[in-house]
Amino acid sequence: MKQQLLLTVAFSLFFIVAINAQKIEYKGNVYEVKGNSILLKGYNVTESLTLDDQRNIRNEYKAKEKAFREADKNNKAKEKAERKQSKKERKATNVDKEKKKYLIF
């Protein structure tokens, strides 16, 4: 159980780091979107791109960001359900232990 929780947390952290600077492949180039800037190989190329290219790159970025947020939301819901289930299991074992204490043979 702890292993699953650890993997889930590590997976979530991976997504958080990935969203900080998202890489988008567009017309054979890999662009990085940071805030309002579009970078190509570390250089700001926002002004040199056409408005259509900027719009398309940002739309792809928004789509990937939305998918990331959905996956993160699902991960959090799954973690919450696992914690709830784990808590129920612990409570059930504690009840069983209490019952065994007072059994007289």
Protein backbone atom coordinates (compact mmCIF):
# COMPACT_ATOMS: atom_id res chain seq x y z
CA MET A 1 0.00 0.00 0.00
CA LYS A 2 2.80 2.41 0.89
CA GLN A 3 4.55 1.52 -2.34
CA GLN A 4 1.50 2.48 -4.39
CA LEU A 5 1.18 5.78 -2.55
CA LEU A 6 4.87 6.52 -3.10
CA LEU A 7 4.57 5.78 -6.83
CA THR A 8 1.49 7.96 -7.11
CA VAL A 9 3.21 10.88 -5.39
CA ALA A 10 6.29 10.48 -7.60
CA PHE A 11 4.07 10.38 -10.70
CA SER A 12 2.28 13.56 -9.60
CA LEU A 13 5.57 15.36 -9.01
CA PHE A 14 6.70 14.36 -12.49
CA PHE A 15 3.64 16.02 -13.99
CA ILE A 16 4.11 19.17 -11.91
CA VAL A 17 7.68 19.54 -13.17
CA ALA A 18 6.58 18.80 -16.73
CA ILE A 19 3.96 21.55 -16.75
CA ASN A 20 6.45 24.25 -15.69
CA ALA A 21 7.94 24.52 -19.19
CA GLN A 22 5.94 22.54 -21.72
CA LYS A 23 7.61 21.39 -24.91
CA ILE A 24 5.48 21.55 -28.04
CA GLU A 25 6.46 20.09 -31.39
CA TYR A 26 5.22 22.23 -34.27
CA LYS A 27 6.32 22.12 -37.92
CA GLY A 28 9.34 19.97 -37.15
CA ASN A 29 10.67 22.24 -34.37
CA VAL A 30 10.41 21.73 -30.64
CA TYR A 31 9.25 24.91 -28.93
CA GLU A 32 9.13 25.56 -25.21
CA VAL A 33 6.32 27.67 -23.79
CA LYS A 34 7.14 29.64 -20.65
CA GLY A 35 4.49 32.12 -19.63
CA ASN A 36 3.91 34.40 -22.61
CA SER A 37 7.20 33.51 -24.30
CA ILE A 38 7.83 30.87 -26.93
CA LEU A 39 11.39 29.59 -26.93
CA LEU A 40 13.31 27.66 -29.57
CA LYS A 41 16.58 26.15 -28.33
CA GLY A 42 16.55 28.56 -25.40
CA TYR A 43 16.03 31.70 -27.47
CA ASN A 44 12.84 33.77 -27.42
CA VAL A 45 11.29 33.52 -30.90
CA THR A 46 7.84 34.82 -30.03
CA GLU A 47 8.12 37.96 -32.15
CA SER A 48 9.64 36.18 -35.15
CA LEU A 49 6.73 33.71 -35.43
CA THR A 50 3.59 34.59 -37.34
CA LEU A 51 0.44 35.21 -35.35
CA ASP A 52 -1.05 31.97 -36.67
CA ASP A 53 2.00 29.99 -35.57
CA GLN A 54 1.93 31.61 -32.13
CA ARG A 55 -1.77 30.87 -31.80
CA ASN A 56 -1.34 27.24 -32.89
CA ILE A 57 1.57 26.66 -30.50
CA ARG A 58 -0.32 28.22 -27.60
CA ASN A 59 -3.45 26.19 -28.45
CA GLU A 60 -1.41 22.98 -28.37
CA TYR A 61 0.11 24.08 -25.07
CA LYS A 62 -3.33 24.76 -23.59
CA ALA A 63 -4.59 21.36 -24.77
CA LYS A 64 -1.63 19.58 -23.16
CA GLU A 65 -2.02 21.63 -20.00
CA LYS A 66 -5.71 20.74 -19.81
CA ALA A 67 -4.92 17.04 -20.25
CA PHE A 68 -2.27 17.33 -17.54
CA ARG A 69 -4.67 18.97 -15.12
CA GLU A 70 -7.29 16.28 -15.78
CA ALA A 71 -4.73 13.53 -15.16
CA ASP A 72 -3.56 15.28 -11.99
CA LYS A 73 -7.16 15.65 -10.79
CA ASN A 74 -7.80 11.96 -11.44
CA ASN A 75 -4.58 11.04 -9.60
CA LYS A 76 -5.59 13.08 -6.58
CA ALA A 77 -9.04 11.48 -6.53
CA LYS A 78 -7.45 8.04 -6.78
CA GLU A 79 -5.04 8.84 -3.93
CA LYS A 80 -7.90 10.08 -1.79
CA ALA A 81 -9.90 6.90 -2.44
CA GLU A 82 -6.85 4.75 -1.60
CA ARG A 83 -6.27 6.64 1.66
CA LYS A 84 -9.93 6.28 2.55
CA GLN A 85 -9.83 2.54 1.83
CA SER A 86 -6.62 2.18 3.82
CA LYS A 87 -8.20 4.00 6.76
CA LYS A 88 -11.23 1.68 6.63
CA GLU A 89 -8.96 -1.37 6.59
CA ARG A 90 -6.97 -0.11 9.58
CA LYS A 91 -10.16 0.63 11.46
CA ALA A 92 -11.48 -2.87 10.71
CA THR A 93 -8.28 -4.51 11.95
CA ASN A 94 -8.37 -2.37 15.11
CA VAL A 95 -11.94 -3.47 15.78
CA ASP A 96 -10.93 -7.10 15.29
CA LYS A 97 -8.03 -6.69 17.72
CA GLU A 98 -10.34 -5.14 20.31
CA LYS A 99 -12.77 -8.05 19.97
CA LYS A 100 -9.96 -10.57 20.39
CA LYS A 101 -8.78 -8.91 23.59
CA TYR A 102 -12.01 -9.60 25.36
CA LEU A 103 -12.66 -13.14 24.18
CA ILE A 104 -12.56 -15.64 27.00
CA PHE A 105 -11.61 -19.21 26.20
